């Protein structure tokens, strides 16, 4: 992804219509397949200054694809009166220096930390071994398997990076599924039993947490199912997935 920053200097008398024009123009951005996201911000200390940030799949996709595409004319018609107000318009590459602050608790913290996740996996795997559909997959699991799954979930949900440090990270987890030939009914039962266990051990049941929690479980189990098939050749080295509130792993577009 490439990020475009456009800095405007807008007379206060024009500010309301300027924002309204970009609100209308944003429909074209939202419809453009080259656009990842966008945000218009106004400076607090200097209210005449605005910054528009647009994420593009690539600079070429912006300059060639979007500007030469069907959505640009409507976009430009809305913002054309303010082109003269542009003071800077450049593309920037993202660096590895980024992250989140602590104003919003992580899913790990909201869930109740490592202790809550260990309760979850202990109850869950106890029930798995009683289930006729899943027992064949897990009847020979190591006694500490539930603990390591809890540690995996903890790291995924932005807790301590113990799975990476003590178990080897993603490459260890992906190898656990190779050749297992998991069937879709087994995947669905796995998900259902985990959700039942979340209720049983009292994980937070607010819609925001459960929606984000469920989205990871669905994503992760579908990856595991695909990786377990006899002809699967998944990448054995990849970053640990990290899950936040309503956020999936970052979209990485193919080369243009």
Protein backbone atom coordinates (compact mmCIF):
# COMPACT_ATOMS: atom_id res chain seq x y z
CA UNK A 1 0.00 0.00 0.00
CA UNK A 2 1.09 3.57 -0.65
CA UNK A 3 -0.25 6.59 1.28
CA UNK A 4 -1.02 9.91 -0.37
CA UNK A 5 -1.08 13.04 1.77
CA UNK A 6 -2.66 16.21 0.46
CA UNK A 7 -2.32 19.36 2.56
CA UNK A 8 -4.86 22.13 2.02
CA UNK A 9 -5.08 25.69 3.26
CA UNK A 10 -8.77 26.57 3.29
CA UNK A 11 -10.31 29.91 4.19
CA UNK A 12 -12.62 29.54 7.22
CA UNK A 13 -15.49 30.92 5.17
CA UNK A 14 -15.08 27.98 2.77
CA UNK A 15 -14.50 25.29 5.37
CA UNK A 16 -18.07 24.02 5.62
CA UNK A 17 -18.50 23.66 1.88
CA UNK A 18 -14.99 22.20 1.53
CA UNK A 19 -15.86 19.40 3.94
CA UNK A 20 -19.22 18.88 2.25
CA UNK A 21 -17.51 18.64 -1.14
CA UNK A 22 -15.15 15.97 0.14
CA UNK A 23 -18.05 14.13 1.75
CA UNK A 24 -19.64 13.95 -1.69
CA UNK A 25 -16.33 13.10 -3.38
CA UNK A 26 -15.72 10.29 -0.90
CA UNK A 27 -18.40 8.23 -2.63
CA UNK A 28 -16.06 7.99 -5.63
CA UNK A 29 -13.14 7.01 -3.41
CA UNK A 30 -15.21 4.34 -1.68
CA UNK A 31 -16.22 2.90 -5.05
CA UNK A 32 -12.70 2.87 -6.50
CA UNK A 33 -10.98 -0.56 -6.31
CA UNK A 34 -7.61 1.20 -6.11
CA UNK A 35 -8.54 2.98 -2.85
CA UNK A 36 -7.84 1.21 0.44
CA UNK A 37 -9.07 3.92 2.84
CA UNK A 38 -9.28 7.68 3.28
CA UNK A 39 -9.55 10.29 6.02
CA UNK A 40 -9.86 14.08 6.07
CA UNK A 41 -8.54 15.83 9.18
CA UNK A 42 -8.60 19.46 10.26
CA UNK A 43 -5.85 21.06 12.32
CA UNK A 44 -6.93 22.15 15.80
CA UNK A 45 -4.20 24.74 16.29
CA UNK A 46 -4.51 26.11 12.74
CA UNK A 47 -8.09 25.49 11.54
CA UNK A 48 -7.29 26.67 8.01
CA UNK A 49 -5.07 23.61 7.54
CA UNK A 50 -6.52 20.28 6.39
CA UNK A 51 -4.78 16.98 5.68
CA UNK A 52 -6.35 14.40 3.41
CA UNK A 53 -4.88 10.92 3.73
CA UNK A 54 -5.70 8.33 1.08
CA UNK A 55 -4.37 4.77 1.08
CA UNK A 56 -3.88 3.42 -2.45
CA UNK A 57 -3.03 -0.12 -3.48
CA UNK A 58 0.00 1.41 -5.25
CA UNK A 59 1.13 4.75 -6.66
CA UNK A 60 0.55 3.47 -10.21
CA UNK A 61 -2.94 2.32 -9.28
CA UNK A 62 -3.65 5.85 -8.12
CA UNK A 63 -2.01 7.79 -10.93
CA UNK A 64 -2.92 5.43 -13.78
CA UNK A 65 -5.83 3.33 -12.55
CA UNK A 66 -7.91 5.77 -10.52
CA UNK A 67 -7.15 8.92 -12.49
CA UNK A 68 -7.78 7.09 -15.75
CA UNK A 69 -10.82 5.24 -14.46
CA UNK A 70 -14.54 5.72 -14.27
CA UNK A 71 -14.65 7.16 -10.75
CA UNK A 72 -12.21 10.03 -11.17
CA UNK A 73 -14.42 12.48 -13.13
CA UNK A 74 -17.08 12.61 -10.41
CA UNK A 75 -14.41 12.86 -7.71
CA UNK A 76 -12.58 15.69 -9.43
CA UNK A 77 -15.77 17.60 -10.20
CA UNK A 78 -16.43 17.91 -6.46
CA UNK A 79 -12.95 18.92 -5.34
CA UNK A 80 -11.88 20.99 -8.39
CA UNK A 81 -12.73 24.36 -6.76
CA UNK A 82 -10.19 23.60 -4.01
CA UNK A 83 -7.24 22.45 -6.12
CA UNK A 84 -5.80 25.93 -5.85
CA UNK A 85 -5.74 25.48 -2.07
CA UNK A 86 -3.34 22.51 -2.22
CA UNK A 87 0.03 23.18 -0.55
CA UNK A 88 1.44 19.64 -0.73
CA UNK A 89 0.46 16.46 -2.57
CA UNK A 90 2.84 13.50 -2.26
CA UNK A 91 2.95 9.72 -1.95
CA UNK A 92 4.61 8.09 1.06
CA UNK A 93 5.70 4.53 1.65
CA UNK A 94 4.78 3.00 4.99
CA UNK A 95 7.58 1.84 7.26
CA UNK A 96 7.68 -0.87 9.90
CA UNK A 97 7.40 1.79 12.63
CA UNK A 98 3.74 1.69 13.56
CA UNK A 99 1.54 0.25 16.27
CA UNK A 100 -1.31 0.94 18.63
CA UNK A 101 -1.44 2.81 21.91
CA UNK A 102 -3.08 1.71 25.13
CA UNK A 103 -6.17 3.90 25.17
CA UNK A 104 -8.23 0.90 24.01
CA UNK A 105 -7.69 -2.41 25.83
CA UNK A 106 -6.45 -5.31 23.74
CA UNK A 107 -8.73 -8.26 23.16
CA UNK A 108 -6.37 -10.23 25.42
CA UNK A 109 -6.98 -7.79 28.27
CA UNK A 110 -10.72 -7.61 27.64
CA UNK A 111 -11.00 -11.40 27.63
CA UNK A 112 -9.43 -11.55 31.08
CA UNK A 113 -5.82 -12.34 30.18
CA UNK A 114 -3.99 -15.64 30.13
CA UNK A 115 -5.91 -17.14 33.04
CA UNK A 116 -9.24 -16.71 31.26
CA UNK A 117 -7.91 -18.20 28.02
CA UNK A 118 -6.48 -21.21 29.87
CA UNK A 119 -9.88 -21.81 31.49
CA UNK A 120 -11.40 -21.61 28.05
CA UNK A 121 -9.09 -24.18 26.45
CA UNK A 122 -9.23 -26.58 29.40
CA UNK A 123 -13.04 -26.72 29.27
CA UNK A 124 -13.03 -26.78 25.48
CA UNK A 125 -10.65 -29.71 25.06
CA UNK A 126 -12.39 -31.65 27.83
CA UNK A 127 -15.55 -31.39 25.73
CA UNK A 128 -13.68 -32.16 22.50
CA UNK A 129 -12.59 -35.53 23.88
CA UNK A 130 -16.24 -36.35 24.60
CA UNK A 131 -17.31 -35.49 21.05
CA UNK A 132 -17.54 -38.37 18.57
CA UNK A 133 -16.78 -36.15 15.58
CA UNK A 134 -13.69 -34.44 17.02
CA UNK A 135 -12.24 -37.06 19.34
CA UNK A 136 -10.38 -38.91 16.51
CA UNK A 137 -8.43 -35.73 15.75
CA UNK A 138 -7.42 -35.04 19.35
CA UNK A 139 -7.40 -38.30 21.29
CA UNK A 140 -3.60 -38.49 21.11
CA UNK A 141 -2.88 -34.83 21.89
CA UNK A 142 -0.22 -34.02 24.47
CA UNK A 143 -1.45 -33.18 28.00
CA UNK A 144 -0.18 -29.62 27.66
CA UNK A 145 -1.91 -29.00 24.32
CA UNK A 146 -4.74 -26.88 25.83
CA UNK A 147 -2.19 -24.66 27.57
CA UNK A 148 -0.32 -23.97 24.33
CA UNK A 149 -3.50 -23.19 22.44
CA UNK A 150 -4.35 -20.66 25.18
CA UNK A 151 -0.89 -19.13 24.80
CA UNK A 152 -1.36 -19.01 21.02
CA UNK A 153 -4.70 -17.24 21.42
CA UNK A 154 -3.14 -14.85 23.91
CA UNK A 155 -0.48 -13.77 21.45
CA UNK A 156 -2.97 -13.49 18.59
CA UNK A 157 -5.11 -11.19 20.73
CA UNK A 158 -2.13 -8.92 21.51
CA UNK A 159 -1.02 -10.48 24.76
CA UNK A 160 2.50 -11.68 25.66
CA UNK A 161 4.48 -13.09 22.73
CA UNK A 162 5.03 -16.40 24.50
CA UNK A 163 4.06 -18.69 21.63
CA UNK A 164 6.67 -17.11 19.43
CA UNK A 165 9.30 -17.07 22.14
CA UNK A 166 8.69 -20.53 23.63
CA UNK A 167 7.12 -22.51 20.82
CA UNK A 168 8.50 -21.06 17.62
CA UNK A 169 5.61 -18.96 16.34
CA UNK A 170 3.54 -19.52 13.24
CA UNK A 171 5.73 -22.19 11.67
CA UNK A 172 5.16 -24.49 14.65
CA UNK A 173 1.39 -24.03 14.60
CA UNK A 174 1.00 -24.57 10.87
CA UNK A 175 2.92 -27.86 11.07
CA UNK A 176 0.42 -29.19 13.60
CA UNK A 177 -2.25 -29.27 10.90
CA UNK A 178 -0.31 -30.76 7.99
CA UNK A 179 -1.81 -33.99 6.70
CA UNK A 180 -4.65 -34.07 9.25
CA UNK A 181 -7.33 -33.94 6.52
CA UNK A 182 -9.78 -31.98 8.64
CA UNK A 183 -13.31 -32.12 7.27
CA UNK A 184 -15.69 -29.15 7.17
CA UNK A 185 -18.15 -30.73 9.63
CA UNK A 186 -15.25 -31.13 12.08
CA UNK A 187 -14.24 -27.50 11.64
CA UNK A 188 -17.80 -26.37 12.32
CA UNK A 189 -18.09 -28.55 15.40
CA UNK A 190 -14.75 -27.19 16.67
CA UNK A 191 -16.08 -23.65 16.34
CA UNK A 192 -19.41 -24.52 17.99
CA UNK A 193 -17.77 -26.23 20.97
CA UNK A 194 -15.36 -23.33 21.46
CA UNK A 195 -18.22 -20.85 21.51
CA UNK A 196 -20.04 -23.04 24.02
CA UNK A 197 -16.90 -23.14 26.16
CA UNK A 198 -16.60 -19.33 25.98
CA UNK A 199 -20.09 -19.11 27.47
CA UNK A 200 -19.34 -21.77 30.07
CA UNK A 201 -16.20 -20.10 31.42
CA UNK A 202 -17.70 -16.61 31.28
CA UNK A 203 -15.68 -14.87 28.59
CA UNK A 204 -17.10 -11.38 27.96
CA UNK A 205 -20.34 -11.63 26.02
CA UNK A 206 -20.61 -8.07 24.74
CA UNK A 207 -21.29 -8.00 20.99
CA UNK A 208 -18.05 -6.19 20.14
CA UNK A 209 -15.80 -8.76 21.80
CA UNK A 210 -17.73 -11.80 20.65
CA UNK A 211 -17.87 -10.51 17.06
CA UNK A 212 -14.10 -9.95 16.95
CA UNK A 213 -13.39 -13.22 18.79
CA UNK A 214 -15.63 -15.20 16.45
CA UNK A 215 -14.13 -13.59 13.36
CA UNK A 216 -10.67 -14.83 14.36
CA UNK A 217 -11.92 -18.33 15.17
CA UNK A 218 -13.68 -18.55 11.80
CA UNK A 219 -10.61 -17.22 9.98
CA UNK A 220 -8.15 -19.42 11.85
CA UNK A 221 -10.13 -22.64 11.53
CA UNK A 222 -10.64 -22.11 7.81
CA UNK A 223 -6.89 -21.62 7.37
CA UNK A 224 -6.26 -24.77 9.42
CA UNK A 225 -8.74 -26.78 7.35
CA UNK A 226 -7.12 -25.69 4.07
CA UNK A 227 -3.61 -26.38 5.39
CA UNK A 228 -4.61 -29.86 6.57
CA UNK A 229 -5.63 -31.25 3.19
CA UNK A 230 -3.43 -33.97 1.66
CA UNK A 231 -2.44 -31.85 -1.35
CA UNK A 232 -1.96 -28.60 0.60
CA UNK A 233 1.38 -26.80 0.36
CA UNK A 234 0.98 -23.87 2.74
CA UNK A 235 3.84 -21.46 3.46
CA UNK A 236 5.64 -22.78 6.52
CA UNK A 237 7.09 -19.42 7.51
CA UNK A 238 4.81 -16.44 8.08
CA UNK A 239 4.26 -13.74 10.71
CA UNK A 240 2.06 -14.47 13.68
CA UNK A 241 -1.49 -13.26 13.03
CA UNK A 242 -2.67 -10.49 15.33
CA UNK A 243 -6.30 -9.65 15.88
CA UNK A 244 -7.82 -6.42 17.12
CA UNK A 245 -11.32 -5.06 17.45
CA UNK A 246 -12.93 -5.52 14.06
CA UNK A 247 -9.55 -5.70 12.32
CA UNK A 248 -8.30 -8.57 10.23
CA UNK A 249 -4.70 -9.07 9.15
CA UNK A 250 -3.66 -6.26 6.81
CA UNK A 251 -4.67 -6.49 3.16
CA UNK A 252 -1.57 -6.98 1.03
CA UNK A 253 -2.40 -6.39 -2.64
CA UNK A 254 -0.65 -8.24 -5.42
CA UNK A 255 1.88 -6.36 -7.51
CA UNK A 256 0.31 -4.17 -10.15
